Protein backbone atom coordinates (compact mmCIF):
# COMPACT_ATOMS: atom_id res chain seq x y z
CA MET A 1 9.73 -13.85 20.84
CA ILE A 2 6.96 -11.18 20.70
CA LYS A 3 9.35 -8.45 19.50
CA HIS A 4 10.83 -10.79 16.91
CA TYR A 5 7.36 -11.60 15.57
CA TYR A 6 6.40 -7.97 15.21
CA ASN A 7 9.72 -7.13 13.59
CA THR A 8 9.36 -10.02 11.07
CA HIS A 9 5.59 -9.46 10.36
CA ALA A 10 5.44 -5.57 10.49
CA SER A 11 3.85 -5.29 7.07
CA GLU A 12 1.22 -7.93 7.75
CA VAL A 13 0.28 -6.49 11.10
CA ILE A 14 -0.08 -2.96 9.52
CA GLU A 15 -2.04 -4.03 6.60
CA SER A 16 -4.50 -6.21 8.72
CA THR A 17 -5.19 -3.47 11.25
CA LEU A 18 -4.79 -0.02 9.56
CA SER A 19 -8.35 0.26 8.21
CA VAL A 20 -10.11 -1.45 11.18
CA ASP A 21 -12.89 0.87 12.48
CA LEU A 22 -12.79 1.30 16.29
CA GLY A 23 -15.07 4.31 16.25
CA PRO A 24 -17.47 3.16 19.01
CA ILE A 25 -14.54 2.16 21.23
CA TYR A 26 -12.82 5.59 20.77
CA GLY A 27 -16.04 7.15 21.94
CA HIS A 28 -15.84 5.28 25.24
CA PHE A 29 -12.42 6.45 25.82
CA GLU A 30 -12.63 10.02 24.62
CA LYS A 31 -15.55 10.93 26.86
CA TYR A 32 -13.00 10.96 29.78
CA LEU A 33 -10.72 13.42 28.05
CA ASN A 34 -10.77 17.11 27.47
CA PRO A 35 -9.86 18.91 24.17
CA GLY A 36 -6.12 18.86 23.70
CA SER A 37 -5.61 16.10 26.27
CA LYS A 38 -2.17 14.23 26.10
CA ILE A 39 -2.45 10.59 25.08
CA LEU A 40 0.29 7.88 25.13
CA ASP A 41 -0.49 5.33 22.40
CA VAL A 42 1.23 2.10 23.65
CA GLY A 43 2.21 -0.42 21.03
CA PHE A 44 0.92 1.85 18.23
CA GLY A 45 1.21 -0.86 15.55
CA SER A 46 -0.17 0.36 12.29
CA GLY A 47 -0.53 3.91 13.67
CA ARG A 48 -4.34 3.83 13.10
CA ASP A 49 -5.16 5.01 16.66
CA SER A 50 -2.48 7.63 16.81
CA LEU A 51 -3.79 9.03 13.48
CA HIS A 52 -7.30 9.11 14.87
CA PHE A 53 -6.39 10.87 18.13
CA ALA A 54 -4.21 13.39 16.28
CA GLU A 55 -7.16 14.20 14.01
CA GLN A 56 -9.23 14.78 17.11
CA ASN A 57 -6.69 17.36 18.16
CA PHE A 58 -5.30 15.41 21.08
CA SER A 59 -1.62 15.58 21.73
CA VAL A 60 -0.18 12.16 21.01
CA VAL A 61 3.02 10.31 21.88
CA SER A 62 3.35 6.84 20.13
CA ILE A 63 5.52 4.12 21.45
CA ASP A 64 6.30 0.65 20.20
CA PHE A 65 8.96 -2.02 20.99
CA SER A 66 9.33 -3.28 17.44
CA ARG A 67 12.05 -1.39 15.49
CA GLU A 68 10.17 -2.21 12.14
CA ILE A 69 6.91 -0.86 13.47
CA PHE A 70 8.65 2.21 14.80
CA ASN A 71 10.54 2.86 11.53
CA ARG A 72 7.13 2.82 9.66
CA GLY A 73 5.48 4.90 12.33
CA LYS A 74 8.09 7.66 11.85
CA ILE A 75 7.06 7.86 8.22
CA ILE A 76 3.25 8.08 8.71
CA LEU A 77 2.80 9.73 12.01
CA ASN A 78 3.28 13.49 12.54
CA ASN A 79 3.50 13.24 16.32
CA GLU A 80 6.29 12.11 18.68
CA VAL A 81 7.22 8.48 17.86
CA LEU A 82 9.57 6.57 20.18
CA LEU A 83 11.12 3.12 20.17
CA VAL A 84 10.15 2.12 23.70
CA ASP A 85 8.88 -1.00 25.44
CA VAL A 86 5.99 -0.21 27.75
CA ARG A 87 7.77 -2.27 30.43
CA ASP A 88 10.45 0.48 30.37
CA ILE A 89 8.42 3.67 30.49
CA ARG A 90 9.49 6.29 33.07
CA TYR A 91 6.96 9.04 32.71
CA LYS A 92 5.65 10.85 35.75
CA ASN A 93 2.12 12.50 35.80
CA GLU A 94 2.43 13.35 32.07
CA PHE A 95 -0.61 11.92 30.31
CA ASP A 96 -4.35 12.43 30.59
CA GLY A 97 -4.93 9.09 28.87
CA ILE A 98 -3.21 5.89 27.86
CA TRP A 99 -4.39 3.86 24.95
CA ALA A 100 -3.18 0.18 24.93
CA SER A 101 -5.33 -1.64 22.31
CA ALA A 102 -4.33 -5.37 22.10
CA VAL A 103 -1.04 -4.77 23.86
CA PHE A 104 -1.31 -6.17 27.50
CA MET A 105 -2.56 -9.43 26.23
CA HIS A 106 1.09 -10.39 25.31
CA PHE A 107 2.16 -10.32 28.96
CA SER A 108 1.93 -12.50 31.98
CA GLU A 109 -0.40 -11.48 34.85
CA ASP A 110 2.68 -10.30 36.95
CA GLU A 111 4.06 -8.24 34.06
CA ILE A 112 0.64 -6.69 33.55
CA LEU A 113 0.58 -5.53 37.15
CA GLU A 114 4.03 -4.09 36.79
CA ILE A 115 3.11 -2.27 33.71
CA LEU A 116 -0.16 -0.97 35.30
CA GLU A 117 1.89 0.50 38.05
CA LYS A 118 4.19 2.29 35.56
CA CYS A 119 1.06 3.45 33.65
CA ALA A 120 -0.41 4.83 36.84
CA GLU A 121 2.75 6.80 37.42
CA ALA A 122 2.65 8.08 33.91
CA LEU A 123 -0.96 9.32 34.21
CA LYS A 124 -2.02 12.63 35.75
CA PRO A 125 -4.51 12.36 38.67
CA GLU A 126 -7.82 10.76 37.39
CA GLY A 127 -6.19 9.95 34.09
CA VAL A 128 -7.66 6.94 32.15
CA ILE A 129 -6.24 3.90 30.50
CA TYR A 130 -7.91 1.70 27.84
CA LEU A 131 -6.98 -1.95 27.60
CA SER A 132 -8.21 -4.74 25.43
CA PHE A 133 -7.73 -8.48 25.56
CA LYS A 134 -8.94 -11.39 23.37
CA TYR A 135 -11.92 -12.85 25.27
CA GLY A 136 -11.41 -15.95 27.24
CA LYS A 137 -9.43 -17.51 30.09
CA GLU A 138 -6.45 -19.08 28.31
CA ALA A 139 -2.84 -18.17 28.40
CA LEU A 140 -0.99 -19.91 25.53
CA ILE A 141 1.24 -19.62 22.52
CA ARG A 142 -0.82 -18.83 19.42
CA HIS A 143 0.63 -17.99 16.02
CA ASP A 144 4.17 -17.72 17.46
CA ARG A 145 3.06 -15.23 20.13
CA PHE A 146 2.14 -15.50 23.81
CA PHE A 147 -1.54 -14.60 24.42
CA ASN A 148 -3.14 -13.96 27.80
CA ASP A 149 -6.87 -13.99 27.20
CA PHE A 150 -9.28 -12.48 29.83
CA ASP A 151 -12.98 -12.61 30.55
CA GLU A 152 -14.61 -10.53 33.19
CA GLU A 153 -13.94 -12.91 36.09
CA LYS A 154 -10.27 -13.44 35.14
CA PHE A 155 -9.77 -9.72 34.95
CA ASP A 156 -11.53 -8.97 38.23
CA GLU A 157 -9.11 -11.48 39.92
CA LEU A 158 -6.13 -9.70 38.45
CA PHE A 159 -7.54 -6.22 39.22
CA SER A 160 -8.05 -7.20 42.88
CA ARG A 161 -4.28 -7.41 43.13
CA GLN A 162 -3.53 -3.71 42.42
CA ASN A 163 -4.49 -0.42 44.16
CA TRP A 164 -3.77 2.21 41.54
CA PHE A 165 -6.90 2.27 39.47
CA GLU A 166 -10.65 2.16 39.74
CA LYS A 167 -12.65 0.25 37.12
CA GLN A 168 -14.82 2.64 35.03
CA GLU A 169 -16.15 0.43 32.21
CA ILE A 170 -15.76 -3.18 31.12
CA TRP A 171 -17.58 -4.51 28.01
CA LYS A 172 -17.35 -7.18 25.34
CA THR A 173 -17.22 -6.55 21.59
CA GLN A 174 -17.04 -8.58 18.42
CA ASP A 175 -13.76 -8.32 16.48
CA ALA A 176 -13.96 -5.33 14.12
CA ARG A 177 -11.89 -7.29 11.50
CA LYS A 178 -14.22 -8.79 8.99
CA ASP A 179 -12.10 -12.09 8.79
CA HIS A 180 -12.41 -12.76 12.49
CA PRO A 181 -16.25 -13.02 12.95
CA ASP A 182 -15.92 -15.42 15.86
CA GLN A 183 -13.37 -13.43 17.92
CA GLN A 184 -14.59 -11.42 20.90
CA TRP A 185 -12.76 -8.85 22.86
CA LEU A 186 -12.81 -7.66 26.47
CA ASN A 187 -12.58 -3.84 26.59
CA ILE A 188 -11.67 -2.09 29.84
CA ILE A 189 -11.33 1.54 30.98
CA LEU A 190 -9.65 2.24 34.27
CA LYS A 191 -9.22 5.60 36.03
CA LYS A 192 -6.28 6.40 38.14
CA LYS A 193 -7.12 6.88 41.91
């Protein structure tokens, strides 16, 4: 259902997110990285974040599971772009950072834990991962997609079920899209143990 949505609505997704300014959030993530660090951009969508990281001279690999998103990404991005579902990644100790903005929110808690384990394997020692979720406690179908919302308490409960990461930062932000003034997000940075 999720993949079908993003294949069908690729243009709308790209247009609604490409110009959104995540500057302050990039700063939280990038302070854990060194010049030239290698980043995996999971669910790259519009390519906005991959473009930013490439401009900062990071080495970027961009993955998405939507063929339509992938096809458009091949046109606008100058880095490696792959048609890969994050649930299927097989990297080992390759990345300094993983950027997963508004991606894990489409998975169940068990799937999130499975993906976190794969991400831990993909990261180098002390590598970091950024995650974001719509703020709340609900898990429901919204606009033809499954959303798993998290607040601090719900995330802590999930986090207690894993042993690959240490929590570095967790903070709440307002939605950076002007047409979503009431939406808040939970932002999380984890470091591989």
